[in-house]
Amino acid sequence: SWEASIITEPISLIDSLIVTMPESVLSLIVNISGRVGWYTCPNGHPYTVGNCTYPMQTAICRHPGCGAKIGGKNHKAVDGVKRWEGDSIAGAKAQKGYVLDAIIKDLNQGKEKKDKKKNNNNIEDELDDSRLTPIGGNFLRLVLHTIMKVVISANYGKDKSKQIASLLYPNTKKINNDVLQNSTEHIAKLVDLYWNNLRNKVQLGDGDIV
């Protein structure tokens, strides 16, 4: 089970689909992007078109190393460009490992554009997809990060705590004390966030929830 994996060998989850991680990162970003049209360049890189959502000018794909021609004229896309509709977006490939940080960052950026008054509690609601109810998703994230908090605290500086840190920061080659400290603080903040979210959602006090 995923609970046992976090306790016994956290790093094994880096190539797994972790419970409570959103099924499709792109579909979540689309949900908070407002009224835009989504397209892919001839090489499959997604981009958006604003205003009427149909192409009125050409440009170059800005994905690193691409440079393919995108856009179009008079609502007609250039050859190779495809418009993404709902089903295509919903079927976007799920990411493996711990991707919650990257998703929250993307959602934060989108929220700032739409409404600067939105906070993390609102952003967490965006993370709940069709597989989970808002309360169920929040509860499972609370369980996930509580287990992480216990493991990293009980094994601080040892192999399992470093595995938790590697799971949170997979691009970090060396897990030093600063990374461990950041991981510990990060998890503690998320535990507090999910606990407060759960309390607000169910309208109960701490004692009643326990």
C-alpha atoms as a PDB file:
ATOM      1  CA  SER A   1       0.000   0.000   0.000  1.00  0.00           C
ATOM      2  CA  TRP A   2       1.079   3.615  -0.414  1.00  0.00           C
ATOM      3  CA  GLU A   3       0.981   4.107   3.372  1.00  0.00           C
ATOM      4  CA  ALA A   4       3.418   1.238   3.907  1.00  0.00           C
ATOM      5  CA  SER A   5       5.675   2.507   1.115  1.00  0.00           C
ATOM      6  CA  ILE A   6       6.008   5.937   2.760  1.00  0.00           C
ATOM      7  CA  ILE A   7       6.993   4.272   6.041  1.00  0.00           C
ATOM      8  CA  THR A   8       9.334   1.567   4.705  1.00  0.00           C
ATOM      9  CA  GLU A   9      10.778   2.939   1.456  1.00  0.00           C
ATOM     10  CA  PRO A  10       9.532   6.448   0.547  1.00  0.00           C
ATOM     11  CA  ILE A  11      11.780   6.771  -2.500  1.00  0.00           C
ATOM     12  CA  SER A  12       9.910   3.900  -4.192  1.00  0.00           C
ATOM     13  CA  LEU A  13       7.001   6.312  -4.776  1.00  0.00           C
ATOM     14  CA  ILE A  14       9.053   8.579  -7.026  1.00  0.00           C
ATOM     15  CA  ASP A  15       8.065   6.451 -10.040  1.00  0.00           C
ATOM     16  CA  SER A  16       4.513   5.768  -8.836  1.00  0.00           C
ATOM     17  CA  LEU A  17       1.170   7.526  -9.080  1.00  0.00           C
ATOM     18  CA  ILE A  18       0.738   8.763  -5.521  1.00  0.00           C
ATOM     19  CA  VAL A  19      -2.722   8.919  -3.982  1.00  0.00           C
ATOM     20  CA  THR A  20      -4.227  12.449  -3.867  1.00  0.00           C
ATOM     21  CA  MET A  21      -1.934  13.718  -6.621  1.00  0.00           C
ATOM     22  CA  PRO A  22      -4.174  15.199  -9.328  1.00  0.00           C
ATOM     23  CA  GLU A  23      -4.787  12.869 -12.269  1.00  0.00           C
ATOM     24  CA  SER A  24      -4.008  15.482 -14.894  1.00  0.00           C
ATOM     25  CA  VAL A  25      -1.890  18.537 -14.142  1.00  0.00           C
ATOM     26  CA  LEU A  26      -2.804  20.202 -17.416  1.00  0.00           C
ATOM     27  CA  SER A  27      -6.549  19.765 -16.910  1.00  0.00           C
ATOM     28  CA  LEU A  28      -6.266  21.487 -13.522  1.00  0.00           C
ATOM     29  CA  ILE A  29      -4.348  24.401 -15.025  1.00  0.00           C
ATOM     30  CA  VAL A  30      -6.959  24.668 -17.778  1.00  0.00           C
ATOM     31  CA  ASN A  31      -9.713  24.904 -15.170  1.00  0.00           C
ATOM     32  CA  ILE A  32      -8.258  28.094 -13.698  1.00  0.00           C
ATOM     33  CA  SER A  33      -7.052  29.653 -16.953  1.00  0.00           C
ATOM     34  CA  GLY A  34     -10.281  31.435 -17.795  1.00  0.00           C
ATOM     35  CA  ARG A  35     -11.640  31.815 -21.329  1.00  0.00           C
ATOM     36  CA  VAL A  36      -8.745  30.774 -23.573  1.00  0.00           C
ATOM     37  CA  GLY A  37      -8.351  28.265 -26.387  1.00  0.00           C
ATOM     38  CA  TRP A  38      -5.844  25.471 -25.889  1.00  0.00           C
ATOM     39  CA  TYR A  39      -3.733  24.256 -28.808  1.00  0.00           C
ATOM     40  CA  THR A  40      -0.678  22.097 -29.411  1.00  0.00           C
ATOM     41  CA  CYS A  41       2.131  22.976 -31.786  1.00  0.00           C
ATOM     42  CA  PRO A  42       3.186  20.463 -34.491  1.00  0.00           C
ATOM     43  CA  ASN A  43       5.540  18.905 -31.940  1.00  0.00           C
ATOM     44  CA  GLY A  44       2.844  18.505 -29.283  1.00  0.00           C
ATOM     45  CA  HIS A  45       3.647  21.421 -26.963  1.00  0.00           C
ATOM     46  CA  PRO A  46       0.533  23.114 -25.502  1.00  0.00           C
ATOM     47  CA  TYR A  47      -0.142  26.838 -25.727  1.00  0.00           C
ATOM     48  CA  THR A  48      -3.133  29.169 -25.426  1.00  0.00           C
ATOM     49  CA  VAL A  49      -4.958  31.710 -27.577  1.00  0.00           C
ATOM     50  CA  GLY A  50      -6.885  34.492 -25.868  1.00  0.00           C
ATOM     51  CA  ASN A  51      -9.609  36.925 -26.963  1.00  0.00           C
ATOM     52  CA  CYS A  52     -11.939  34.949 -29.262  1.00  0.00           C
ATOM     53  CA  THR A  53      -9.827  31.784 -28.579  1.00  0.00           C
ATOM     54  CA  TYR A  54      -9.159  31.244 -32.306  1.00  0.00           C
ATOM     55  CA  PRO A  55      -5.876  32.098 -34.082  1.00  0.00           C
ATOM     56  CA  MET A  56      -5.539  35.484 -35.785  1.00  0.00           C
ATOM     57  CA  GLN A  57      -1.743  35.715 -36.094  1.00  0.00           C
ATOM     58  CA  THR A  58       1.259  33.427 -36.384  1.00  0.00           C
ATOM     59  CA  ALA A  59       4.095  32.986 -33.914  1.00  0.00           C
ATOM     60  CA  ILE A  60       6.848  30.579 -32.904  1.00  0.00           C
ATOM     61  CA  CYS A  61       6.516  27.895 -30.223  1.00  0.00           C
ATOM     62  CA  ARG A  62       8.547  29.005 -27.212  1.00  0.00           C
ATOM     63  CA  HIS A  63       9.115  25.529 -25.830  1.00  0.00           C
ATOM     64  CA  PRO A  64      12.907  25.083 -25.448  1.00  0.00           C
ATOM     65  CA  GLY A  65      14.401  23.629 -28.592  1.00  0.00           C
ATOM     66  CA  CYS A  66      11.156  23.680 -30.589  1.00  0.00           C
ATOM     67  CA  GLY A  67      10.612  26.816 -32.664  1.00  0.00           C
ATOM     68  CA  ALA A  68       7.716  25.334 -34.669  1.00  0.00           C
ATOM     69  CA  LYS A  69       5.277  27.708 -36.318  1.00  0.00           C
ATOM     70  CA  ILE A  70       2.037  28.166 -34.370  1.00  0.00           C
ATOM     71  CA  GLY A  71      -1.094  30.291 -34.506  1.00  0.00           C
ATOM     72  CA  GLY A  72      -2.788  31.082 -37.783  1.00  0.00           C
ATOM     73  CA  LYS A  73      -4.932  33.670 -39.552  1.00  0.00           C
ATOM     74  CA  ASN A  74      -8.639  34.339 -39.834  1.00  0.00           C
ATOM     75  CA  HIS A  75      -9.485  31.633 -37.292  1.00  0.00           C
ATOM     76  CA  LYS A  76      -7.598  28.968 -39.276  1.00  0.00           C
ATOM     77  CA  ALA A  77      -4.603  27.319 -37.623  1.00  0.00           C
ATOM     78  CA  VAL A  78      -1.361  26.654 -39.486  1.00  0.00           C
ATOM     79  CA  ASP A  79      -0.610  23.093 -40.584  1.00  0.00           C
ATOM     80  CA  GLY A  80       0.220  20.750 -37.729  1.00  0.00           C
ATOM     81  CA  VAL A  81      -1.432  22.809 -35.001  1.00  0.00           C
ATOM     82  CA  LYS A  82      -4.317  21.113 -33.222  1.00  0.00           C
ATOM     83  CA  ARG A  83      -6.995  22.603 -30.994  1.00  0.00           C
ATOM     84  CA  TRP A  84      -7.500  20.795 -27.698  1.00  0.00           C
ATOM     85  CA  GLU A  85     -11.048  20.164 -26.631  1.00  0.00           C
ATOM     86  CA  GLY A  86     -12.356  18.910 -23.292  1.00  0.00           C
ATOM     87  CA  ASP A  87     -11.817  15.195 -23.873  1.00  0.00           C
ATOM     88  CA  SER A  88      -8.226  15.695 -25.031  1.00  0.00           C
ATOM     89  CA  ILE A  89      -7.375  17.799 -21.994  1.00  0.00           C
ATOM     90  CA  ALA A  90      -9.054  15.370 -19.591  1.00  0.00           C
ATOM     91  CA  GLY A  91      -6.973  12.556 -21.037  1.00  0.00           C
ATOM     92  CA  ALA A  92      -3.642  14.287 -20.491  1.00  0.00           C
ATOM     93  CA  LYS A  93      -0.972  11.982 -19.109  1.00  0.00           C
ATOM     94  CA  ALA A  94      -0.727  11.829 -15.325  1.00  0.00           C
ATOM     95  CA  GLN A  95       2.602  12.666 -13.706  1.00  0.00           C
ATOM     96  CA  LYS A  96       4.322  10.218 -11.395  1.00  0.00           C
ATOM     97  CA  GLY A  97       5.857  11.030  -8.047  1.00  0.00           C
ATOM     98  CA  TYR A  98       5.171  13.966  -5.738  1.00  0.00           C
ATOM     99  CA  VAL A  99       3.929  16.761  -8.002  1.00  0.00           C
ATOM    100  CA  LEU A 100       1.748  18.727  -5.594  1.00  0.00           C
ATOM    101  CA  ASP A 101       4.268  21.564  -5.179  1.00  0.00           C
ATOM    102  CA  ALA A 102       4.519  22.235  -8.908  1.00  0.00           C
ATOM    103  CA  ILE A 103       0.751  22.127  -9.257  1.00  0.00           C
ATOM    104  CA  ILE A 104       0.128  24.509  -6.353  1.00  0.00           C
ATOM    105  CA  LYS A 105       2.682  26.904  -7.877  1.00  0.00           C
ATOM    106  CA  ASP A 106       0.887  26.805 -11.241  1.00  0.00           C
ATOM    107  CA  LEU A 107      -2.482  27.235  -9.578  1.00  0.00           C
ATOM    108  CA  ASN A 108      -1.173  30.142  -7.509  1.00  0.00           C
ATOM    109  CA  GLN A 109       0.017  31.887 -10.664  1.00  0.00           C
ATOM    110  CA  GLY A 110      -3.330  31.355 -12.315  1.00  0.00           C
ATOM    111  CA  LYS A 111      -5.219  32.551  -9.272  1.00  0.00           C
ATOM    112  CA  GLU A 112      -3.103  35.679  -9.053  1.00  0.00           C
ATOM    113  CA  LYS A 113      -4.112  36.577 -12.576  1.00  0.00           C
ATOM    114  CA  LYS A 114      -7.802  35.903 -11.946  1.00  0.00           C
ATOM    115  CA  ASP A 115      -8.145  37.030  -8.355  1.00  0.00           C
ATOM    116  CA  LYS A 116      -5.324  38.344  -6.195  1.00  0.00           C
ATOM    117  CA  LYS A 117      -7.425  37.790  -3.090  1.00  0.00           C
ATOM    118  CA  LYS A 118      -7.485  33.995  -3.412  1.00  0.00           C
ATOM    119  CA  ASN A 119      -5.492  32.026  -0.806  1.00  0.00           C
ATOM    120  CA  ASN A 120      -4.173  28.471  -0.409  1.00  0.00           C
ATOM    121  CA  ASN A 121      -7.455  27.219   1.043  1.00  0.00           C
ATOM    122  CA  ASN A 122      -9.195  28.119  -2.229  1.00  0.00           C
ATOM    123  CA  ILE A 123      -6.338  26.719  -4.275  1.00  0.00           C
ATOM    124  CA  GLU A 124      -6.597  23.353  -2.552  1.00  0.00           C
ATOM    125  CA  ASP A 125     -10.194  23.086  -3.757  1.00  0.00           C
ATOM    126  CA  GLU A 126      -8.888  23.235  -7.337  1.00  0.00           C
ATOM    127  CA  LEU A 127      -6.769  20.134  -6.701  1.00  0.00           C
ATOM    128  CA  ASP A 128      -9.798  17.911  -6.171  1.00  0.00           C
ATOM    129  CA  ASP A 129     -10.596  16.075  -9.384  1.00  0.00           C
ATOM    130  CA  SER A 130     -13.430  13.738 -10.306  1.00  0.00           C
ATOM    131  CA  ARG A 131     -11.931  10.820  -8.369  1.00  0.00           C
ATOM    132  CA  LEU A 132     -12.230  12.464  -4.949  1.00  0.00           C
ATOM    133  CA  THR A 133     -14.724  14.609  -3.102  1.00  0.00           C
ATOM    134  CA  PRO A 134     -13.272  17.858  -1.724  1.00  0.00           C
ATOM    135  CA  ILE A 135     -13.440  16.545   1.843  1.00  0.00           C
ATOM    136  CA  GLY A 136     -12.104  13.115   0.874  1.00  0.00           C
ATOM    137  CA  GLY A 137      -9.206  14.575  -1.109  1.00  0.00           C
ATOM    138  CA  ASN A 138      -8.269  16.945   1.691  1.00  0.00           C
ATOM    139  CA  PHE A 139      -8.458  14.149   4.273  1.00  0.00           C
ATOM    140  CA  LEU A 140      -6.204  11.832   2.264  1.00  0.00           C
ATOM    141  CA  ARG A 141      -3.661  14.631   1.734  1.00  0.00           C
ATOM    142  CA  LEU A 142      -3.716  15.218   5.483  1.00  0.00           C
ATOM    143  CA  VAL A 143      -3.019  11.509   6.087  1.00  0.00           C
ATOM    144  CA  LEU A 144      -0.277  11.445   3.416  1.00  0.00           C
ATOM    145  CA  HIS A 145       1.608  14.418   4.838  1.00  0.00           C
ATOM    146  CA  THR A 146       1.065  13.392   8.468  1.00  0.00           C
ATOM    147  CA  ILE A 147       2.776  10.065   7.742  1.00  0.00           C
ATOM    148  CA  MET A 148       5.568  11.956   5.970  1.00  0.00           C
ATOM    149  CA  LYS A 149       5.925  14.238   8.995  1.00  0.00           C
ATOM    150  CA  VAL A 150       6.203  11.304  11.394  1.00  0.00           C
ATOM    151  CA  VAL A 151       8.725   9.453   9.205  1.00  0.00           C
ATOM    152  CA  ILE A 152      10.998  12.429   8.602  1.00  0.00           C
ATOM    153  CA  SER A 153      10.882  13.459  12.287  1.00  0.00           C
ATOM    154  CA  ALA A 154      11.543   9.970  13.632  1.00  0.00           C
ATOM    155  CA  ASN A 155      14.423   9.386  11.210  1.00  0.00           C
ATOM    156  CA  TYR A 156      15.857  12.894  10.900  1.00  0.00           C
ATOM    157  CA  GLY A 157      19.229  12.802   9.190  1.00  0.00           C
ATOM    158  CA  LYS A 158      18.906   9.122   8.400  1.00  0.00           C
ATOM    159  CA  ASP A 159      18.153   7.341   5.137  1.00  0.00           C
ATOM    160  CA  LYS A 160      14.339   7.437   5.325  1.00  0.00           C
ATOM    161  CA  SER A 161      14.235  11.153   6.045  1.00  0.00           C
ATOM    162  CA  LYS A 162      16.507  11.730   3.057  1.00  0.00           C
ATOM    163  CA  GLN A 163      14.206   9.599   0.919  1.00  0.00           C
ATOM    164  CA  ILE A 164      11.258  11.802   1.909  1.00  0.00           C
ATOM    165  CA  ALA A 165      13.288  14.877   0.969  1.00  0.00           C
ATOM    166  CA  SER A 166      14.233  13.290  -2.370  1.00  0.00           C
ATOM    167  CA  LEU A 167      10.564  12.559  -3.018  1.00  0.00           C
ATOM    168  CA  LEU A 168       9.672  16.218  -2.430  1.00  0.00           C
ATOM    169  CA  TYR A 169      12.692  17.583  -4.319  1.00  0.00           C
ATOM    170  CA  PRO A 170      13.522  14.970  -6.993  1.00  0.00           C
ATOM    171  CA  ASN A 171      15.843  17.304  -8.912  1.00  0.00           C
ATOM    172  CA  THR A 172      18.110  17.861  -5.897  1.00  0.00           C
ATOM    173  CA  LYS A 173      21.194  15.661  -6.245  1.00  0.00           C
ATOM    174  CA  LYS A 174      22.519  16.021  -2.686  1.00  0.00           C
ATOM    175  CA  ILE A 175      20.207  15.969   0.321  1.00  0.00           C
ATOM    176  CA  ASN A 176      21.990  18.096   2.937  1.00  0.00           C
ATOM    177  CA  ASN A 177      20.774  19.567   6.225  1.00  0.00           C
ATOM    178  CA  ASP A 178      19.242  22.596   4.508  1.00  0.00           C
ATOM    179  CA  VAL A 179      17.146  20.397   2.210  1.00  0.00           C
ATOM    180  CA  LEU A 180      16.076  18.240   5.163  1.00  0.00           C
ATOM    181  CA  GLN A 181      15.074  21.329   7.130  1.00  0.00           C
ATOM    182  CA  ASN A 182      13.138  22.737   4.180  1.00  0.00           C
ATOM    183  CA  SER A 183      11.380  19.393   3.735  1.00  0.00           C
ATOM    184  CA  THR A 184      10.443  19.233   7.417  1.00  0.00           C
ATOM    185  CA  GLU A 185       9.067  22.779   7.422  1.00  0.00           C
ATOM    186  CA  HIS A 186       7.263  22.227   4.123  1.00  0.00           C
ATOM    187  CA  ILE A 187       5.477  19.105   5.359  1.00  0.00           C
ATOM    188  CA  ALA A 188       4.573  20.714   8.682  1.00  0.00           C
ATOM    189  CA  LYS A 189       2.965  23.667   6.878  1.00  0.00           C
ATOM    190  CA  LEU A 190       0.944  21.338   4.637  1.00  0.00           C
ATOM    191  CA  VAL A 191      -0.256  19.291   7.621  1.00  0.00           C
ATOM    192  CA  ASP A 192      -1.483  22.513   9.244  1.00  0.00           C
ATOM    193  CA  LEU A 193      -3.069  23.626   5.962  1.00  0.00           C
ATOM    194  CA  TYR A 194      -4.971  20.387   5.389  1.00  0.00           C
ATOM    195  CA  TRP A 195      -6.056  20.184   9.029  1.00  0.00           C
ATOM    196  CA  ASN A 196      -7.456  23.720   8.936  1.00  0.00           C
ATOM    197  CA  ASN A 197      -9.096  23.034   5.570  1.00  0.00           C
ATOM    198  CA  LEU A 198     -10.752  19.893   6.928  1.00  0.00           C
ATOM    199  CA  ARG A 199     -11.960  21.734  10.008  1.00  0.00           C
ATOM    200  CA  ASN A 200     -13.456  24.486   7.861  1.00  0.00           C
ATOM    201  CA  LYS A 201     -15.069  22.047   5.428  1.00  0.00           C
ATOM    202  CA  VAL A 202     -16.798  19.910   8.055  1.00  0.00           C
ATOM    203  CA  GLN A 203     -17.463  22.801  10.454  1.00  0.00           C
ATOM    204  CA  LEU A 204     -16.216  20.881  13.486  1.00  0.00           C
ATOM    205  CA  GLY A 205     -13.689  21.568  16.200  1.00  0.00           C
ATOM    206  CA  ASP A 206     -10.376  19.767  16.669  1.00  0.00           C
ATOM    207  CA  GLY A 207     -11.731  17.426  19.343  1.00  0.00           C
ATOM    208  CA  ASP A 208     -14.749  16.422  17.264  1.00  0.00           C
ATOM    209  CA  ILE A 209     -12.627  15.645  14.214  1.00  0.00           C
ATOM    210  CA  VAL A 210     -10.231  13.489  16.218  1.00  0.00           C
END
